[in-house]
Amino acid sequence: MATDPQSLLSAANLYQGYGASGYQLDLMILALLAQISKQQNPMIATDPQTLLSAASCYQCLGADAYGLKLMMLALLAQIVNNGISGGGLGSGIVFGNYGGGQPNFTPASGTGAAFDTSIGRPWFYYNGAWN
């Protein structure tokens, strides 16, 4: 994934209009956070409406409705809630709540390990399937 400023600004197009002028750095940070969240769970929603809805609990803390900052908080919460792996989806152990079912991603390397925090079950991805 490209992380140069132009690529990040291009990836952040859908978030434009949610912040004050001069917010290019916030847009790039938001694009990076969305990429990290999507790497952990490709099916996770990172659109502005979903993130603002998920971040609504932060508005009560006195944060003026800074849309971009709220979406950043929501993305950071997604990243934490979906587990942080030790080297991407292809290596390390990913921790997450899979509700007792199989993890919802395929490790990039073709092998991997995940731990379902909802029931304490380990999963191992090998030979094209979670076991």
Protein backbone atom coordinates (compact mmCIF):
# COMPACT_ATOMS: atom_id res chain seq x y z
CA MET A 1 0.00 0.00 0.00
CA ALA A 2 1.27 3.43 -0.90
CA THR A 3 1.90 5.78 2.01
CA ASP A 4 3.20 8.84 0.16
CA PRO A 5 1.22 12.06 0.75
CA GLN A 6 -0.44 12.13 -2.69
CA SER A 7 -1.61 8.52 -2.44
CA LEU A 8 -2.95 9.05 1.08
CA LEU A 9 -4.82 12.20 0.05
CA SER A 10 -6.29 10.31 -2.88
CA ALA A 11 -7.34 7.43 -0.60
CA ALA A 12 -8.91 9.95 1.80
CA ASN A 13 -11.21 11.54 -0.81
CA LEU A 14 -14.32 10.02 0.74
CA TYR A 15 -13.56 11.74 4.07
CA GLN A 16 -13.24 15.24 2.60
CA GLY A 17 -15.81 17.73 3.79
CA TYR A 18 -15.76 16.50 7.40
CA GLY A 19 -13.13 18.92 8.69
CA ALA A 20 -11.89 22.50 8.60
CA SER A 21 -9.62 23.88 5.90
CA GLY A 22 -5.95 22.96 6.15
CA TYR A 23 -6.73 19.43 7.24
CA GLN A 24 -4.57 17.49 4.77
CA LEU A 25 -2.51 15.90 7.56
CA ASP A 26 -5.67 14.68 9.28
CA LEU A 27 -6.86 13.22 5.97
CA MET A 28 -3.58 11.34 5.52
CA ILE A 29 -3.72 10.02 9.11
CA LEU A 30 -7.31 8.93 8.54
CA ALA A 31 -6.34 7.14 5.31
CA LEU A 32 -3.51 5.31 7.10
CA LEU A 33 -5.78 4.25 9.96
CA ALA A 34 -8.36 2.99 7.47
CA GLN A 35 -5.67 0.96 5.68
CA ILE A 36 -4.52 -0.56 8.98
CA SER A 37 -8.09 -1.42 9.95
CA LYS A 38 -8.79 -2.97 6.52
CA GLN A 39 -5.61 -5.05 6.76
CA GLN A 40 -6.85 -6.51 10.00
CA ASN A 41 -10.37 -7.11 8.72
CA PRO A 42 -11.01 -6.53 5.01
CA MET A 43 -14.78 -6.61 5.56
CA ILE A 44 -14.86 -3.84 8.18
CA ALA A 45 -16.69 -0.63 7.29
CA THR A 46 -14.52 2.50 7.20
CA ASP A 47 -16.92 4.87 5.45
CA PRO A 48 -17.57 8.28 7.10
CA GLN A 49 -21.14 7.53 8.18
CA THR A 50 -20.21 4.28 9.94
CA LEU A 51 -17.21 5.86 11.65
CA LEU A 52 -19.14 8.91 12.81
CA SER A 53 -21.87 6.67 14.17
CA ALA A 54 -19.30 4.52 15.99
CA ALA A 55 -17.62 7.65 17.36
CA SER A 56 -20.82 9.22 18.66
CA CYS A 57 -19.96 8.08 22.19
CA TYR A 58 -16.88 10.33 22.11
CA GLN A 59 -18.92 13.46 21.38
CA CYS A 60 -20.28 13.48 24.91
CA LEU A 61 -16.75 14.03 26.22
CA GLY A 62 -16.87 17.66 25.16
CA ALA A 63 -15.19 17.10 21.82
CA ASP A 64 -16.54 19.63 19.41
CA ALA A 65 -17.87 17.77 16.42
CA TYR A 66 -14.52 17.49 14.67
CA GLY A 67 -15.61 14.88 12.17
CA LEU A 68 -12.12 13.80 11.15
CA LYS A 69 -10.89 13.45 14.74
CA LEU A 70 -14.01 11.47 15.66
CA MET A 71 -13.48 9.13 12.72
CA MET A 72 -9.84 8.67 13.75
CA LEU A 73 -10.99 7.68 17.23
CA ALA A 74 -13.46 5.21 15.74
CA LEU A 75 -10.78 3.68 13.50
CA LEU A 76 -8.37 3.37 16.41
CA ALA A 77 -11.13 1.64 18.39
CA GLN A 78 -11.72 -0.74 15.45
CA ILE A 79 -8.02 -1.55 15.31
CA VAL A 80 -7.88 -2.31 19.02
CA ASN A 81 -11.12 -4.32 18.97
CA ASN A 82 -10.03 -6.40 15.98
CA GLY A 83 -6.71 -7.34 17.53
CA ILE A 84 -3.21 -6.29 16.77
CA SER A 85 -1.02 -8.87 15.13
CA GLY A 86 2.71 -9.15 15.44
CA GLY A 87 3.64 -8.59 11.83
CA GLY A 88 0.53 -8.28 9.72
CA LEU A 89 -2.12 -10.81 8.89
CA GLY A 90 0.43 -13.27 7.64
CA SER A 91 2.40 -13.78 10.83
CA GLY A 92 2.00 -13.52 14.56
CA ILE A 93 -1.18 -14.23 16.44
CA VAL A 94 -4.22 -12.07 15.82
CA PHE A 95 -6.58 -11.59 18.75
CA GLY A 96 -10.22 -10.77 18.11
CA ASN A 97 -13.82 -11.48 18.98
CA TYR A 98 -15.09 -13.86 16.31
CA GLY A 99 -18.24 -14.78 18.22
CA GLY A 100 -17.30 -18.44 18.40
CA GLY A 101 -16.97 -18.72 14.64
CA GLN A 102 -14.00 -18.86 12.33
CA PRO A 103 -11.89 -15.70 11.96
CA ASN A 104 -13.14 -13.42 9.19
CA PHE A 105 -9.88 -12.94 7.27
CA THR A 106 -7.41 -14.96 5.26
CA PRO A 107 -3.74 -14.53 6.24
CA ALA A 108 -1.71 -13.02 3.41
CA SER A 109 1.05 -15.61 3.79
CA GLY A 110 -1.33 -18.58 3.60
CA THR A 111 -0.68 -19.58 7.22
CA GLY A 112 -1.59 -17.87 10.45
CA ALA A 113 -2.98 -18.09 13.94
CA ALA A 114 -5.89 -16.31 15.58
CA PHE A 115 -7.36 -16.40 19.07
CA ASP A 116 -11.10 -15.90 19.57
CA THR A 117 -11.39 -13.77 22.70
CA SER A 118 -15.13 -14.47 23.00
CA ILE A 119 -14.70 -18.17 23.80
CA GLY A 120 -10.94 -18.59 24.33
CA ARG A 121 -10.44 -20.76 21.24
CA PRO A 122 -7.30 -20.77 19.10
CA TRP A 123 -7.60 -21.02 15.31
CA PHE A 124 -4.87 -22.02 12.87
CA TYR A 125 -5.00 -21.25 9.15
CA TYR A 126 -3.31 -23.88 7.06
CA ASN A 127 -3.91 -25.50 3.68
CA GLY A 128 -6.62 -22.98 2.74
CA ALA A 129 -8.85 -23.32 5.82
CA TRP A 130 -9.20 -22.34 9.46
CA ASN A 131 -8.78 -25.33 11.76
